[in-house]
Protein backbone atom coordinates (compact mmCIF):
# COMPACT_ATOMS: atom_id res chain seq x y z
CA MET A 1 11.51 43.20 27.55
CA SER A 2 9.49 41.50 30.30
CA ASN A 3 10.48 38.17 31.80
CA ARG A 4 7.39 36.60 30.24
CA LYS A 5 8.38 37.70 26.74
CA LEU A 6 11.92 36.47 27.31
CA LEU A 7 10.57 33.08 28.40
CA ILE A 8 8.31 32.82 25.34
CA SER A 9 11.22 33.71 23.03
CA PHE A 10 13.45 31.14 24.72
CA LEU A 11 10.82 28.39 24.42
CA SER A 12 10.23 29.22 20.74
CA LEU A 13 13.95 28.98 19.97
CA LEU A 14 14.19 25.72 21.93
CA ALA A 15 11.28 24.19 20.00
CA LEU A 16 12.89 25.23 16.69
CA ALA A 17 16.25 23.75 17.74
CA ILE A 18 14.58 20.43 18.57
CA ALA A 19 12.37 20.27 15.47
CA THR A 20 15.06 21.15 12.92
CA PRO A 21 17.27 18.04 13.39
CA ILE A 22 14.20 15.80 13.38
CA ALA A 23 12.92 17.31 10.13
CA THR A 24 16.39 17.12 8.60
CA ALA A 25 16.81 13.48 9.61
CA TYR A 26 13.42 12.60 8.07
CA ALA A 27 14.34 14.43 4.87
CA GLN A 28 17.64 12.54 4.68
CA ASN A 29 15.85 9.20 5.19
CA TYR A 30 13.27 9.96 2.50
CA GLY A 31 13.95 7.59 -0.40
CA THR A 32 15.74 5.02 1.78
CA CYS A 33 14.67 1.54 0.61
CA LEU A 34 14.70 -2.11 1.66
CA THR A 35 14.17 -5.06 -0.67
CA ARG A 36 11.69 -7.84 0.02
CA HIS A 37 12.56 -11.48 -0.68
CA ASP A 38 10.63 -11.27 -3.98
CA GLY A 39 12.83 -8.40 -5.20
CA GLN A 40 10.25 -5.63 -4.71
CA GLN A 41 11.42 -2.53 -2.87
CA ILE A 42 9.71 -0.71 -0.01
CA CYS A 43 10.94 2.87 0.48
CA VAL A 44 10.46 5.65 2.99
CA GLY A 45 7.56 7.77 1.75
CA ASN A 46 5.83 4.89 -0.08
CA LEU A 47 2.07 4.51 0.23
CA VAL A 48 1.63 0.88 1.32
CA LEU A 49 -1.01 -1.68 2.25
CA ASP A 50 -0.38 -4.21 5.03
CA SER A 51 -1.66 -7.79 5.34
CA SER A 52 -4.65 -6.59 7.42
CA ASN A 53 -5.77 -4.15 4.68
CA ASN A 54 -4.57 -1.02 6.48
CA ALA A 55 -3.13 1.64 4.16
CA GLY A 56 -0.60 4.29 5.11
CA GLN A 57 2.76 5.92 4.47
CA VAL A 58 6.17 4.49 5.40
CA LEU A 59 7.85 6.82 7.87
CA GLN A 60 11.04 4.88 8.61
CA LEU A 61 12.84 1.64 7.75
CA PHE A 62 15.00 -0.46 10.07
CA THR A 63 17.92 -2.82 9.46
CA ASN A 64 15.90 -5.82 10.73
CA GLY A 65 13.46 -5.47 7.82
CA GLU A 66 10.77 -3.64 9.79
CA ALA A 67 8.92 -0.52 8.61
CA GLN A 68 7.21 2.16 10.65
CA VAL A 69 3.92 3.16 9.00
CA ARG A 70 1.47 5.99 9.69
CA TYR A 71 -1.92 4.52 8.80
CA THR A 72 -4.55 6.66 7.06
CA ALA A 73 -7.15 4.04 6.06
CA GLY A 74 -8.44 0.79 7.54
CA TYR A 75 -9.06 -0.24 11.13
CA ALA A 76 -5.64 1.15 12.14
CA SER A 77 -6.35 4.60 10.64
CA GLY A 78 -4.77 7.35 12.74
CA GLN A 79 -2.26 5.00 14.33
CA VAL A 80 1.47 4.50 13.81
CA GLY A 81 2.65 0.89 13.75
CA THR A 82 5.67 -1.25 12.89
CA THR A 83 5.55 -4.33 10.66
CA SER A 84 7.82 -6.44 8.45
CA ILE A 85 8.25 -5.18 4.90
CA GLU A 86 7.33 -8.70 3.75
CA TYR A 87 3.74 -7.88 4.74
CA LEU A 88 3.64 -4.57 2.87
CA SER A 89 2.50 -3.97 -0.69
CA ARG A 90 3.36 -0.57 -2.19
CA SER A 91 1.26 1.50 -4.58
CA ILE A 92 2.09 1.03 -8.27
CA GLY A 93 -0.29 3.30 -10.21
CA CYS A 94 -2.24 0.68 -12.18
CA TRP A 95 -3.46 -2.91 -12.01
CA TYR A 96 -4.19 -3.76 -15.64
CA ASN A 97 -6.97 -1.29 -16.64
CA VAL A 98 -7.68 0.04 -13.12
CA CYS A 99 -5.55 3.09 -12.31
CA GLU A 100 -5.25 5.74 -9.63
CA HIS A 101 -7.79 8.58 -10.05
CA ASN A 102 -10.12 6.41 -12.17
CA ARG A 103 -13.84 6.61 -11.47
CA VAL A 104 -15.10 3.05 -11.17
CA VAL A 105 -18.13 0.96 -10.28
CA ASP A 106 -17.87 -2.13 -8.06
CA GLY A 107 -19.71 -5.43 -8.34
CA SER A 108 -22.63 -4.07 -6.30
CA GLY A 109 -23.15 -0.99 -8.46
CA ASN A 110 -21.48 1.48 -6.08
CA VAL A 111 -19.45 4.27 -7.69
CA GLY A 112 -16.21 5.72 -6.37
CA THR A 113 -12.75 7.08 -7.21
CA VAL A 114 -9.57 5.02 -6.92
CA GLU A 115 -7.06 6.76 -4.66
CA ALA A 116 -4.34 4.09 -4.80
CA VAL A 117 -3.56 0.77 -6.49
CA PHE A 118 -1.27 -1.71 -4.75
CA GLN A 119 1.06 -4.47 -5.94
CA ASN A 120 -1.23 -7.20 -4.63
CA GLY A 121 -4.15 -6.09 -6.81
CA MET A 122 -6.03 -4.27 -4.05
CA THR A 123 -7.16 -0.64 -4.29
CA LEU A 124 -7.95 2.18 -1.89
CA LEU A 125 -11.39 3.30 -3.07
CA CYS A 126 -13.24 6.46 -2.00
CA TYR A 127 -16.94 5.68 -2.39
CA GLU A 128 -19.38 8.30 -3.67
CA SER A 129 -22.57 6.22 -3.54
CA GLY A 130 -24.06 3.15 -1.87
CA TYR A 131 -23.62 1.75 1.64
CA TYR A 132 -20.01 2.97 1.94
CA ALA A 133 -20.62 6.47 0.51
CA GLY A 134 -18.18 9.00 1.94
CA THR A 135 -15.77 6.33 3.22
CA LYS A 136 -12.52 4.80 2.00
CA GLN A 137 -12.44 1.02 1.61
CA ILE A 138 -9.90 -1.57 0.44
CA VAL A 139 -11.36 -3.29 -2.64
CA SER A 140 -9.92 -5.81 -5.11
CA ALA A 141 -9.19 -4.27 -8.52
CA ASN A 142 -10.62 -7.42 -10.11
CA THR A 143 -14.11 -6.37 -8.92
CA LEU A 144 -13.93 -2.84 -10.38
CA SER A 145 -14.94 -1.54 -13.81
CA PRO A 146 -13.57 1.86 -14.93
CA ALA A 147 -15.90 4.48 -16.44
CA MET A 148 -15.87 4.82 -20.23
CA GLY A 149 -14.38 7.85 -21.91
CA PRO A 150 -11.28 9.91 -20.98
CA GLN A 151 -9.94 9.10 -17.54
CA PRO A 152 -7.47 11.14 -15.49
CA GLN A 153 -4.11 9.39 -15.35
CA PRO A 154 -1.59 9.51 -12.50
CA TYR A 155 1.75 11.21 -12.99
CA PRO A 156 4.35 9.93 -13.55
CA GLN A 157 3.06 7.36 -16.02
CA PRO A 158 2.04 4.29 -13.98
CA GLN A 159 3.24 0.74 -14.30
CA PRO A 160 0.73 -0.70 -16.84
CA VAL A 161 0.60 -4.23 -15.41
CA PRO A 162 1.16 -5.81 -12.00
CA PRO A 163 4.61 -7.17 -11.03
CA GLY A 164 5.72 -10.42 -12.64
CA TYR A 165 4.82 -13.73 -11.04
CA ASN A 166 8.09 -15.52 -11.78
CA VAL A 167 9.22 -15.21 -8.15
CA PRO A 168 7.49 -16.32 -4.91
CA HIS A 169 5.66 -13.49 -3.17
CA ALA A 170 2.88 -12.83 -0.66
CA CYS A 171 -0.49 -12.76 -2.44
CA TYR A 172 -2.59 -11.42 0.47
CA GLY A 173 -5.64 -13.35 -0.79
CA SER A 174 -5.46 -11.97 -4.33
CA CYS A 175 -5.86 -14.72 -6.94
CA GLN A 176 -3.92 -14.76 -10.21
CA ILE A 177 -3.31 -17.95 -12.20
CA GLY A 178 0.40 -18.76 -12.18
CA ALA A 179 1.14 -16.74 -9.03
CA MET A 180 3.58 -18.22 -6.50
CA CYS A 181 1.97 -17.40 -3.13
CA THR A 182 4.18 -17.72 -0.06
CA ASP A 183 1.43 -16.85 2.46
CA ALA A 184 -1.35 -19.28 1.47
CA CYS A 185 -3.42 -20.57 -1.42
CA PRO A 186 -6.01 -17.82 -2.10
CA TYR A 187 -9.54 -18.61 -0.88
CA GLY A 188 -11.46 -20.73 -3.38
CA ALA A 189 -8.43 -21.25 -5.62
CA SER A 190 -6.82 -24.50 -6.70
CA CYS A 191 -3.09 -24.65 -5.92
CA ASN A 192 -0.09 -26.94 -6.08
CA TYR A 193 2.11 -26.69 -2.96
CA VAL A 194 5.82 -26.63 -3.87
CA TYR A 195 7.43 -27.59 -0.57
CA GLY A 196 10.96 -28.09 -1.94
CA ALA A 197 11.35 -24.43 -2.96
CA ARG A 198 13.08 -21.79 -0.83
CA PRO A 199 10.82 -20.29 0.32
CA PRO A 200 8.06 -22.87 -0.24
CA PHE A 201 4.98 -21.54 -2.06
CA TRP A 202 1.55 -22.35 -3.46
CA ARG A 203 1.39 -22.14 -7.29
CA VAL A 204 -2.12 -20.99 -8.29
CA LEU A 205 -3.66 -23.32 -10.88
CA SER A 206 -7.16 -21.81 -11.05
CA CYS A 207 -9.16 -18.99 -9.45
CA PRO A 208 -12.81 -18.95 -8.34
CA ARG A 209 -15.26 -17.49 -10.84
């Protein structure tokens, strides 16, 4: 065997030796979870949405409450970043009657397919018509209307309603009467600021129409 072939074989074995422990470590971390202050878990492998409306997958979690995310949609698409899990909202399958894989129409008459639904009521929508045709956008589920007739449902069976609002949580601008928003009162909403709570929060009294 020539020296060149020996070198190629050696480099191939070296690459395999390096890649195997990395792949094994990732596999072992898959399913590792951290819990936010509102009791919701963020796990390795989750599809999540951050506070800047960038969607991606959690690659790794750290003991200081940070998550490493590979972004696939939004302004940070194609990048890998690190952020606190408190600013992440994971996919849940459904937000009331809007579910993953549903074909929907938005408030401007543009049609698309829902790729993900997040805990904060936002969706990852792949547009098929209109100004955003062929792109993926983050859109509030409250502005979407599902098509009539049989709709494909995600598997496993999705959570039929959003998480409860009996604990303070980040609302990320989504408005729901009774919600306890720790980040801010949603735009256009009427809120009562409860400063004596730990953490303090804005209780949503009404939402804009």
